[in-house]
Protein backbone atom coordinates (compact mmCIF):
# COMPACT_ATOMS: atom_id res chain seq x y z
CA VAL A 1 -24.33 29.17 84.61
CA GLN A 2 -20.85 29.50 83.17
CA LEU A 3 -18.92 26.59 81.75
CA VAL A 4 -15.14 26.10 81.87
CA GLU A 5 -13.38 23.46 79.82
CA SER A 6 -10.21 21.62 80.86
CA GLY A 7 -8.28 18.44 80.29
CA GLY A 8 -6.86 18.97 76.85
CA GLY A 9 -3.30 18.27 75.89
CA LEU A 10 -0.91 16.58 73.50
CA VAL A 11 -1.46 12.88 72.95
CA GLN A 12 -0.14 10.34 70.48
CA PRO A 13 -2.42 8.70 67.94
CA GLY A 14 -4.28 5.86 69.58
CA GLY A 15 -4.08 7.51 72.97
CA SER A 16 -6.81 8.71 75.30
CA LEU A 17 -7.87 11.91 77.00
CA THR A 18 -10.75 12.90 79.22
CA LEU A 19 -12.08 16.44 78.95
CA SER A 20 -14.03 18.12 81.71
CA CYS A 21 -16.56 20.92 81.66
CA ALA A 22 -17.13 22.51 85.03
CA ALA A 23 -20.32 24.48 85.59
CA SER A 24 -20.54 27.42 87.97
CA GLY A 25 -23.94 26.24 89.15
CA SER A 26 -26.16 23.23 89.28
CA ILE A 27 -26.51 21.25 86.07
CA SER A 28 -29.32 19.05 87.34
CA MET A 29 -32.01 21.24 85.78
CA ILE A 30 -30.22 21.85 82.50
CA TYR A 31 -32.03 20.07 79.67
CA ALA A 32 -28.93 19.12 77.70
CA MET A 33 -25.18 19.65 77.55
CA GLY A 34 -22.77 18.99 74.77
CA TRP A 35 -19.29 19.19 73.33
CA TYR A 36 -18.30 21.01 70.15
CA ARG A 37 -14.91 21.22 68.51
CA GLN A 38 -13.24 23.51 66.04
CA ALA A 39 -10.19 22.54 64.05
CA PRO A 40 -7.98 25.23 62.52
CA GLY A 41 -9.64 26.75 59.48
CA LYS A 42 -12.83 24.77 59.95
CA GLN A 43 -16.27 25.45 61.36
CA ARG A 44 -17.25 24.49 64.88
CA ASP A 45 -18.94 21.10 64.84
CA LEU A 46 -21.06 19.23 67.33
CA VAL A 47 -19.29 16.20 68.77
CA ALA A 48 -21.61 14.76 71.43
CA THR A 49 -24.60 15.66 73.57
CA ILE A 50 -26.37 14.29 76.60
CA ASN A 51 -29.77 15.30 77.85
CA HIS A 52 -31.50 15.31 81.21
CA TYR A 53 -32.76 11.77 80.63
CA GLY A 54 -29.31 10.44 79.82
CA THR A 55 -29.96 10.14 76.11
CA THR A 56 -26.75 10.64 74.17
CA TYR A 57 -25.88 11.67 70.65
CA TYR A 58 -22.52 11.25 68.94
CA SER A 59 -21.27 12.52 65.62
CA ASP A 60 -20.18 9.86 63.21
CA SER A 61 -16.54 10.65 63.94
CA ALA A 62 -17.04 10.29 67.69
CA LYS A 63 -19.24 7.23 67.68
CA GLY A 64 -17.58 4.20 69.25
CA ARG A 65 -14.58 6.18 70.50
CA PHE A 66 -15.96 8.99 72.69
CA THR A 67 -18.20 8.77 75.75
CA ILE A 68 -20.09 11.75 77.16
CA SER A 69 -21.32 11.83 80.75
CA THR A 70 -22.49 14.21 83.45
CA ASP A 71 -22.14 14.21 87.22
CA ASP A 72 -24.80 16.20 89.06
CA ALA A 73 -22.89 15.88 92.33
CA THR A 74 -19.89 17.78 90.98
CA ASN A 75 -21.73 19.80 88.31
CA THR A 76 -19.40 18.58 85.60
CA MET A 77 -19.68 17.07 82.18
CA SER A 78 -16.96 14.85 80.78
CA LEU A 79 -15.90 13.59 77.40
CA GLU A 80 -13.81 10.45 77.48
CA MET A 81 -11.93 10.11 74.22
CA THR A 82 -10.16 6.94 73.18
CA ASN A 83 -8.29 5.79 70.08
CA LEU A 84 -7.57 9.40 69.24
CA LYS A 85 -6.68 10.31 65.68
CA PRO A 86 -4.83 13.31 64.24
CA GLU A 87 -8.13 14.52 62.81
CA ASP A 88 -9.43 14.88 66.37
CA THR A 89 -7.02 17.79 66.82
CA ALA A 90 -9.14 20.82 67.67
CA VAL A 91 -10.20 23.20 70.38
CA TYR A 92 -13.03 21.57 72.30
CA TYR A 93 -15.84 23.62 73.79
CA CYS A 94 -18.79 22.76 75.99
CA ASP A 95 -22.23 24.26 75.76
CA ARG A 96 -25.67 23.85 77.26
CA ARG A 97 -29.27 23.88 76.19
CA PRO A 98 -31.13 25.21 79.24
CA GLY A 99 -34.60 23.93 78.45
CA PHE A 100 -36.37 21.66 75.99
CA THR A 101 -37.50 24.59 73.87
CA ASP A 102 -34.20 26.45 74.11
CA ASP A 103 -31.41 26.42 71.56
CA TRP A 104 -27.78 25.90 72.49
CA THR A 105 -26.49 29.07 74.15
CA ARG A 106 -23.31 29.26 72.04
CA ALA A 107 -21.81 31.25 74.93
CA TRP A 108 -18.35 29.94 74.15
CA GLY A 109 -15.59 29.88 76.71
CA GLN A 110 -11.88 29.53 76.08
CA GLY A 111 -12.13 25.89 75.17
CA THR A 112 -9.43 23.30 75.70
CA GLN A 113 -6.89 22.36 73.04
CA VAL A 114 -6.51 18.74 72.03
CA THR A 115 -3.57 17.89 69.81
CA VAL A 116 -3.12 14.38 68.48
CA SER A 117 0.33 13.96 67.01
CA SER A 118 3.30 11.64 67.11
């Protein structure tokens, strides 16, 4: 299964964006999916995850502002981002954890750029 990110762009502080991660195959049997981001000069950090049971995790910076979801019908994962801040500027990547005992694949795609600036 390959993942392709989209939906990034330039947005003003306080604005909103929804990122999408399209999978080349079914996501219904994937144990977990998640979003990472990497700001210039910084390491890639985990932003949010969702597992097969719908359990979600958010980093402290994302909590209360971002919402992760999946749609088995369209094989996509989304990240709805609200009240965006300049520090949210980064390239956002999606990843998957195929099974419960598997690690994240870290098979990074191109990512999608999010720039928060006035």
